[in-house]
Amino acid sequence: MKKFSTWMLVMFMIMFWIFRIVVALSGELNWDFGGLRPLNQQMEIVLLFVVLICVILIVKRKMIGGLIYLLAYGMYFGIDILNNTQTLLLAVEGNIDIKVYINLFISIIGMILPIAVLLDLLMDKNRKNHPKDKKTDWFYDNEQFDRKLDERADKNNYKTL
């Protein structure tokens, strides 16, 4: 986790996880938390523990953590996105409660975050497969430091490939 984008994504994951804890707690204790309710209380609690494990795997840069994170949030929030967009599209008179918009917004954030994490993991895998070493690449990748040889020059290969 050397890149700034990775740190930011993990912080957003943890902040969203804490937000989902508050939503689950407010649903369990019947608090009014801005109209936000868990979609499924039992599934929300299971998802909180799954996401905690996924955060640990993503910090360790494991691809399986990002895939499980995307799959879990996709199954949980994807259905809500479909239901809320159908509700918005079928509402003819336009008298829709603000709670539908808030739930749709939170569900969209819940889908964008795992996609961004998975893309960051994929880009990081490419960086790990093709690393750059600043200590030696300046010499081996730069042709201005190549030795110009003539007929009197030593024919030893000073650059190892």
Protein backbone atom coordinates (compact mmCIF):
# COMPACT_ATOMS: atom_id res chain seq x y z
CA MET A 1 0.00 0.00 0.00
CA LYS A 2 2.40 2.61 -1.21
CA LYS A 3 0.08 4.63 -3.41
CA PHE A 4 -1.99 7.54 -2.16
CA SER A 5 -5.06 6.32 -4.04
CA THR A 6 -4.95 3.02 -2.19
CA TRP A 7 -4.81 4.76 1.17
CA MET A 8 -7.74 6.98 0.23
CA LEU A 9 -9.85 4.06 -0.96
CA VAL A 10 -9.18 2.11 2.23
CA MET A 11 -10.13 5.16 4.31
CA PHE A 12 -13.38 5.56 2.34
CA MET A 13 -14.06 1.84 2.79
CA ILE A 14 -13.65 2.14 6.55
CA MET A 15 -15.77 5.31 6.71
CA PHE A 16 -18.54 3.65 4.69
CA TRP A 17 -18.27 0.56 6.90
CA ILE A 18 -18.70 2.72 10.02
CA PHE A 19 -21.65 4.45 8.35
CA ARG A 20 -23.24 1.05 7.67
CA ILE A 21 -22.70 0.10 11.35
CA VAL A 22 -24.61 3.22 12.39
CA VAL A 23 -27.39 2.42 9.91
CA ALA A 24 -27.63 -1.16 11.19
CA LEU A 25 -27.64 0.02 14.79
CA SER A 26 -30.32 2.63 14.08
CA GLY A 27 -32.43 -0.01 12.37
CA GLU A 28 -32.09 -2.37 15.30
CA LEU A 29 -32.88 0.28 17.92
CA ASN A 30 -35.66 1.91 15.82
CA TRP A 31 -33.90 5.28 15.63
CA ASP A 32 -34.75 7.68 12.84
CA PHE A 33 -31.43 8.17 11.07
CA GLY A 34 -32.49 10.45 8.26
CA GLY A 35 -34.84 7.88 6.84
CA LEU A 36 -32.07 5.35 6.26
CA ARG A 37 -32.97 1.80 7.10
CA PRO A 38 -31.04 -1.39 6.42
CA LEU A 39 -32.35 -3.24 3.41
CA ASN A 40 -32.20 -6.53 5.31
CA GLN A 41 -31.16 -6.42 8.97
CA GLN A 42 -29.70 -9.92 9.18
CA MET A 43 -27.88 -9.59 5.87
CA GLU A 44 -26.53 -6.19 6.94
CA ILE A 45 -24.87 -7.67 10.02
CA VAL A 46 -23.36 -10.54 8.04
CA LEU A 47 -22.17 -8.07 5.41
CA LEU A 48 -20.44 -5.96 8.06
CA PHE A 49 -18.30 -8.90 9.12
CA VAL A 50 -17.59 -9.91 5.52
CA VAL A 51 -16.50 -6.37 4.68
CA LEU A 52 -14.21 -6.30 7.73
CA ILE A 53 -12.42 -9.39 6.42
CA CYS A 54 -12.31 -7.89 2.92
CA VAL A 55 -10.72 -4.68 4.23
CA ILE A 56 -7.94 -6.72 5.82
CA LEU A 57 -7.39 -8.66 2.58
CA ILE A 58 -7.38 -5.47 0.51
CA VAL A 59 -4.82 -3.86 2.81
CA LYS A 60 -2.65 -6.95 2.23
CA ARG A 61 -3.21 -6.41 -1.55
CA LYS A 62 -5.03 -9.70 -2.14
CA MET A 63 -7.21 -9.78 -5.24
CA ILE A 64 -9.69 -12.18 -3.61
CA GLY A 65 -10.56 -9.49 -1.05
CA GLY A 66 -11.55 -7.04 -3.78
CA LEU A 67 -13.58 -9.66 -5.61
CA ILE A 68 -15.48 -10.73 -2.49
CA TYR A 69 -16.05 -7.07 -1.62
CA LEU A 70 -17.49 -6.36 -5.08
CA LEU A 71 -19.62 -9.51 -5.05
CA ALA A 72 -21.04 -8.88 -1.56
CA TYR A 73 -21.87 -5.23 -2.15
CA GLY A 74 -23.09 -5.97 -5.66
CA MET A 75 -25.59 -8.49 -4.39
CA TYR A 76 -26.69 -6.26 -1.52
CA PHE A 77 -26.79 -2.80 -3.09
CA GLY A 78 -27.34 -3.82 -6.72
CA ILE A 79 -30.84 -5.09 -6.01
CA ASP A 80 -31.66 -1.87 -4.17
CA ILE A 81 -30.42 0.22 -7.10
CA LEU A 82 -32.66 -1.70 -9.48
CA ASN A 83 -35.70 -1.42 -7.20
CA ASN A 84 -35.23 2.30 -6.54
CA THR A 85 -34.65 3.17 -10.20
CA GLN A 86 -37.81 1.26 -11.13
CA THR A 87 -39.67 3.19 -8.45
CA LEU A 88 -38.35 6.47 -9.83
CA LEU A 89 -39.15 5.57 -13.42
CA LEU A 90 -42.67 4.34 -12.68
CA ALA A 91 -43.62 7.34 -10.55
CA VAL A 92 -45.72 9.42 -12.92
CA GLU A 93 -46.96 12.18 -10.66
CA GLY A 94 -43.51 12.87 -9.20
CA ASN A 95 -44.52 12.61 -5.54
CA ILE A 96 -41.59 10.52 -4.41
CA ASP A 97 -40.31 10.56 -0.87
CA ILE A 98 -36.81 11.90 -0.29
CA LYS A 99 -35.94 8.60 1.42
CA VAL A 100 -35.96 6.85 -1.97
CA TYR A 101 -33.41 9.32 -3.31
CA ILE A 102 -31.20 9.01 -0.22
CA ASN A 103 -31.28 5.20 -0.35
CA LEU A 104 -30.49 5.28 -4.07
CA PHE A 105 -27.56 7.64 -3.48
CA ILE A 106 -26.12 5.45 -0.68
CA SER A 107 -26.58 2.34 -2.82
CA ILE A 108 -24.75 3.96 -5.74
CA ILE A 109 -21.87 4.86 -3.41
CA GLY A 110 -21.97 1.27 -2.17
CA MET A 111 -21.44 0.08 -5.76
CA ILE A 112 -18.86 2.65 -6.88
CA LEU A 113 -16.54 1.99 -3.94
CA PRO A 114 -15.93 -1.76 -4.62
CA ILE A 115 -15.46 -1.11 -8.34
CA ALA A 116 -12.85 1.55 -7.56
CA VAL A 117 -11.10 -0.77 -5.11
CA LEU A 118 -11.01 -3.60 -7.65
CA LEU A 119 -9.63 -1.29 -10.35
CA ASP A 120 -6.96 -0.07 -7.94
CA LEU A 121 -6.00 -3.66 -7.14
CA LEU A 122 -5.80 -4.51 -10.84
CA MET A 123 -3.56 -1.53 -11.55
CA ASP A 124 -1.37 -2.43 -8.59
CA LYS A 125 -0.97 -6.00 -9.87
CA ASN A 126 0.41 -4.58 -13.13
CA ARG A 127 2.88 -2.47 -11.13
CA LYS A 128 4.02 -5.51 -9.15
CA ASN A 129 4.49 -7.60 -12.31
CA HIS A 130 6.56 -4.86 -14.00
CA PRO A 131 8.42 -3.10 -11.20
CA LYS A 132 10.69 -0.12 -11.69
CA ASP A 133 13.88 0.22 -9.76
CA LYS A 134 15.02 3.85 -9.64
CA LYS A 135 18.50 2.83 -8.51
CA THR A 136 19.37 1.03 -11.76
CA ASP A 137 16.79 1.97 -14.37
CA TRP A 138 18.36 5.35 -14.99
CA PHE A 139 21.48 3.56 -16.25
CA TYR A 140 20.01 0.60 -18.10
CA ASP A 141 17.15 2.50 -19.73
CA ASN A 142 19.21 5.51 -20.79
CA GLU A 143 21.18 5.34 -24.02
CA GLN A 144 23.30 8.41 -23.34
CA PHE A 145 25.35 6.36 -20.89
CA ASP A 146 26.07 3.60 -23.41
CA ARG A 147 29.75 3.27 -24.08
CA LYS A 148 30.77 4.19 -27.60
CA LEU A 149 33.16 1.56 -28.88
CA ASP A 150 35.69 1.84 -31.68
CA GLU A 151 38.29 -0.62 -32.99
CA ARG A 152 40.70 0.18 -30.12
CA ALA A 153 38.13 -0.15 -27.37
CA ASP A 154 37.87 -2.99 -24.97
CA LYS A 155 35.16 -5.41 -26.17
CA ASN A 156 34.00 -6.48 -22.71
CA ASN A 157 30.33 -6.09 -22.02
CA TYR A 158 30.10 -3.69 -19.11
CA LYS A 159 26.30 -3.63 -19.10
CA THR A 160 24.74 -6.89 -18.02
CA LEU A 161 21.33 -7.62 -19.40
